[in-house]
Structures are given as structure tokens and as C-alpha cells.
């Protein structure tokens, strides 16, 4: 089991979305509440950070020309 705050994944790892990712209005040029990426979209982790208050990892994933999501 992964410790809280310790990243399970690393930079340059290829990852896939497990579920559809919806626009929470963070992307004003996209449909509000619309699907940003469908389940199964492939991206690459480009950075990993730790949310200090919640002590959980945050992954910045590059989905190429589609989106950069954290």
C-alpha cells in the first residue's frame, strides 16, 4: 500500500484515464460540464507535486494536443 503523500507514479510514465474527465469549468473554451477526455485517453506524467494540506500527490499529465490536466 502506498503511504499518504508518497507518489505512486513517476514522471514520464504513460497513464490512461479510468473514467471520463468532465470540465469543472476550469477550461473556459470547452463546454461546461462536458467531457474533456473519454475513458481510456492516454497521456504522460510530466510533473508530480504534493498538496501540502491534504498530503496527497498531484500529477500533471500531458494529453498531447488535447489537454494538460493536473
N, C-alpha and C. Protein backbone atom coordinates (compact mmCIF):
# COMPACT_ATOMS: atom_id res chain seq x y z
N UNK A 1 0.84 -1.19 0.00
CA UNK A 1 0.00 0.00 0.00
C UNK A 1 0.88 1.24 0.00
N UNK A 2 0.49 2.25 -0.76
CA UNK A 2 1.25 3.48 -0.86
C UNK A 2 0.97 4.38 0.35
N UNK A 3 2.03 4.97 0.90
CA UNK A 3 1.86 5.89 2.01
C UNK A 3 1.20 7.16 1.51
N UNK A 4 0.38 7.78 2.36
CA UNK A 4 -0.22 9.06 2.04
C UNK A 4 0.89 10.05 1.77
N UNK A 5 0.79 10.81 0.72
CA UNK A 5 1.78 11.82 0.39
C UNK A 5 2.92 11.30 -0.45
N UNK A 6 3.05 9.99 -0.56
CA UNK A 6 4.13 9.41 -1.37
C UNK A 6 3.57 9.06 -2.74
N UNK A 7 4.09 9.65 -3.81
CA UNK A 7 3.55 9.38 -5.15
C UNK A 7 3.67 7.91 -5.56
N UNK A 8 2.60 7.38 -6.12
CA UNK A 8 2.59 6.00 -6.60
C UNK A 8 3.18 5.92 -8.01
N UNK A 9 3.05 7.01 -8.78
CA UNK A 9 3.51 7.05 -10.17
C UNK A 9 4.63 8.07 -10.30
N UNK A 10 5.39 7.98 -11.39
CA UNK A 10 6.54 8.86 -11.61
C UNK A 10 6.44 9.60 -12.93
N UNK A 11 7.31 10.61 -13.07
CA UNK A 11 7.41 11.35 -14.33
C UNK A 11 7.74 10.39 -15.47
N UNK A 12 7.25 10.77 -16.64
CA UNK A 12 7.46 10.04 -17.89
C UNK A 12 6.68 8.73 -17.98
N UNK A 13 5.91 8.39 -16.96
CA UNK A 13 5.08 7.19 -17.05
C UNK A 13 3.88 7.49 -17.93
N UNK A 14 3.51 6.52 -18.76
CA UNK A 14 2.29 6.62 -19.57
C UNK A 14 1.13 6.18 -18.70
N UNK A 15 0.04 6.93 -18.76
CA UNK A 15 -1.15 6.62 -17.97
C UNK A 15 -2.38 6.74 -18.85
N UNK A 16 -3.47 6.11 -18.41
CA UNK A 16 -4.76 6.19 -19.11
C UNK A 16 -5.81 6.68 -18.14
N UNK A 17 -6.78 7.42 -18.66
CA UNK A 17 -7.90 7.83 -17.82
C UNK A 17 -8.79 6.62 -17.55
N UNK A 18 -9.19 6.45 -16.30
CA UNK A 18 -10.04 5.32 -15.93
C UNK A 18 -11.51 5.64 -16.17
N UNK A 19 -11.85 6.91 -16.12
CA UNK A 19 -13.23 7.36 -16.32
C UNK A 19 -13.20 8.59 -17.23
N UNK A 20 -14.36 9.00 -17.72
CA UNK A 20 -14.45 10.25 -18.47
C UNK A 20 -14.08 11.41 -17.55
N UNK A 21 -13.26 12.34 -18.04
CA UNK A 21 -12.91 13.53 -17.26
C UNK A 21 -13.79 14.67 -17.74
N UNK A 22 -14.55 15.28 -16.81
CA UNK A 22 -15.50 16.32 -17.14
C UNK A 22 -14.93 17.71 -16.84
N UNK A 23 -15.38 18.69 -17.58
CA UNK A 23 -14.95 20.07 -17.37
C UNK A 23 -15.67 20.65 -16.15
N UNK A 24 -14.90 20.96 -15.13
CA UNK A 24 -15.46 21.58 -13.93
C UNK A 24 -15.41 23.11 -14.05
N UNK A 25 -15.42 23.56 -15.28
CA UNK A 25 -15.35 24.97 -15.66
C UNK A 25 -13.94 25.54 -15.54
N UNK A 26 -12.95 24.66 -15.40
CA UNK A 26 -11.55 25.08 -15.38
C UNK A 26 -11.06 25.41 -16.79
N UNK A 27 -11.74 24.93 -17.79
CA UNK A 27 -11.39 25.15 -19.19
C UNK A 27 -12.49 25.97 -19.84
N UNK A 28 -12.37 27.32 -19.83
CA UNK A 28 -13.44 28.18 -20.32
C UNK A 28 -13.74 28.03 -21.82
N UNK A 29 -12.80 27.53 -22.59
CA UNK A 29 -13.02 27.36 -24.04
C UNK A 29 -13.67 26.03 -24.38
N UNK A 30 -13.96 25.25 -23.36
CA UNK A 30 -14.61 23.95 -23.57
C UNK A 30 -16.02 24.00 -22.97
N UNK A 31 -16.87 23.11 -23.42
CA UNK A 31 -18.24 23.02 -22.93
C UNK A 31 -18.27 22.82 -21.41
N UNK A 32 -18.98 23.67 -20.64
CA UNK A 32 -19.10 23.46 -19.20
C UNK A 32 -19.76 22.11 -18.91
N UNK A 33 -19.19 21.36 -18.01
CA UNK A 33 -19.68 20.03 -17.63
C UNK A 33 -19.56 19.01 -18.76
N UNK A 34 -18.94 19.38 -19.87
CA UNK A 34 -18.75 18.46 -20.99
C UNK A 34 -17.56 17.55 -20.76
N UNK A 35 -17.46 16.52 -21.56
CA UNK A 35 -16.37 15.55 -21.45
C UNK A 35 -15.10 16.17 -22.05
N UNK A 36 -14.05 16.28 -21.23
CA UNK A 36 -12.76 16.77 -21.69
C UNK A 36 -11.97 15.64 -22.35
N UNK A 37 -11.96 14.51 -21.67
CA UNK A 37 -11.27 13.32 -22.17
C UNK A 37 -12.12 12.10 -21.86
N UNK A 38 -12.26 11.23 -22.83
CA UNK A 38 -13.01 9.99 -22.62
C UNK A 38 -12.15 8.98 -21.87
N UNK A 39 -12.80 8.07 -21.19
CA UNK A 39 -12.09 6.99 -20.51
C UNK A 39 -11.20 6.27 -21.51
N UNK A 40 -9.97 5.99 -21.11
CA UNK A 40 -9.03 5.31 -21.98
C UNK A 40 -8.06 6.23 -22.70
N UNK A 41 -8.24 7.56 -22.55
CA UNK A 41 -7.31 8.51 -23.17
C UNK A 41 -5.92 8.33 -22.55
N UNK A 42 -4.89 8.36 -23.38
CA UNK A 42 -3.52 8.11 -22.93
C UNK A 42 -2.75 9.42 -22.81
N UNK A 43 -2.00 9.55 -21.72
CA UNK A 43 -1.16 10.72 -21.50
C UNK A 43 0.14 10.33 -20.84
N UNK A 44 0.97 11.33 -20.57
CA UNK A 44 2.26 11.10 -19.92
C UNK A 44 2.40 12.05 -18.73
N UNK A 45 2.79 11.51 -17.59
CA UNK A 45 3.01 12.33 -16.40
C UNK A 45 4.24 13.19 -16.65
N UNK A 46 4.08 14.51 -16.52
CA UNK A 46 5.22 15.41 -16.74
C UNK A 46 5.72 16.04 -15.45
N UNK A 47 4.91 15.99 -14.38
CA UNK A 47 5.36 16.52 -13.10
C UNK A 47 4.53 15.91 -11.98
N UNK A 48 5.13 15.83 -10.80
CA UNK A 48 4.46 15.31 -9.62
C UNK A 48 4.72 16.28 -8.48
N UNK A 49 3.67 16.63 -7.76
CA UNK A 49 3.79 17.53 -6.60
C UNK A 49 2.99 16.94 -5.45
N UNK A 50 3.12 17.53 -4.28
CA UNK A 50 2.36 17.09 -3.11
C UNK A 50 1.49 18.25 -2.64
N UNK A 51 0.19 18.00 -2.48
CA UNK A 51 -0.71 19.00 -1.90
C UNK A 51 -0.41 19.02 -0.41
N UNK A 52 0.13 20.14 0.07
CA UNK A 52 0.64 20.18 1.45
C UNK A 52 -0.44 20.01 2.51
N UNK A 53 -1.61 20.59 2.33
CA UNK A 53 -2.65 20.47 3.36
C UNK A 53 -3.25 19.07 3.41
N UNK A 54 -3.52 18.50 2.24
CA UNK A 54 -4.15 17.17 2.18
C UNK A 54 -3.12 16.05 2.19
N UNK A 55 -1.84 16.39 1.95
CA UNK A 55 -0.76 15.40 1.91
C UNK A 55 -1.04 14.28 0.90
N UNK A 56 -1.46 14.68 -0.31
CA UNK A 56 -1.71 13.73 -1.39
C UNK A 56 -0.95 14.18 -2.64
N UNK A 57 -0.53 13.24 -3.47
CA UNK A 57 0.18 13.62 -4.70
C UNK A 57 -0.76 14.23 -5.74
N UNK A 58 -0.21 15.16 -6.51
CA UNK A 58 -0.92 15.77 -7.64
C UNK A 58 -0.07 15.48 -8.87
N UNK A 59 -0.69 14.92 -9.89
CA UNK A 59 0.01 14.57 -11.12
C UNK A 59 -0.39 15.52 -12.23
N UNK A 60 0.58 16.09 -12.92
CA UNK A 60 0.31 16.90 -14.10
C UNK A 60 0.53 15.98 -15.29
N UNK A 61 -0.52 15.78 -16.06
CA UNK A 61 -0.49 14.82 -17.17
C UNK A 61 -0.69 15.56 -18.49
N UNK A 62 0.19 15.29 -19.43
CA UNK A 62 0.12 15.87 -20.76
C UNK A 62 -0.62 14.89 -21.67
N UNK A 63 -1.75 15.34 -22.19
CA UNK A 63 -2.53 14.53 -23.13
C UNK A 63 -2.29 15.02 -24.56
N UNK A 64 -1.09 15.47 -24.84
CA UNK A 64 -0.65 15.96 -26.15
C UNK A 64 -1.48 17.17 -26.58
N UNK A 65 -1.91 17.16 -27.83
CA UNK A 65 -2.61 18.33 -28.36
C UNK A 65 -3.96 18.53 -27.69
N UNK A 66 -4.42 17.53 -26.97
CA UNK A 66 -5.75 17.63 -26.37
C UNK A 66 -5.76 18.56 -25.16
N UNK A 67 -5.02 18.19 -24.09
CA UNK A 67 -5.07 18.95 -22.85
C UNK A 67 -3.89 18.68 -21.95
N UNK A 68 -3.67 19.61 -21.04
CA UNK A 68 -2.71 19.43 -19.94
C UNK A 68 -3.55 19.53 -18.68
N UNK A 69 -3.61 18.44 -17.92
CA UNK A 69 -4.51 18.38 -16.77
C UNK A 69 -3.73 18.02 -15.51
N UNK A 70 -4.11 18.64 -14.39
CA UNK A 70 -3.48 18.33 -13.11
C UNK A 70 -4.48 17.80 -12.12
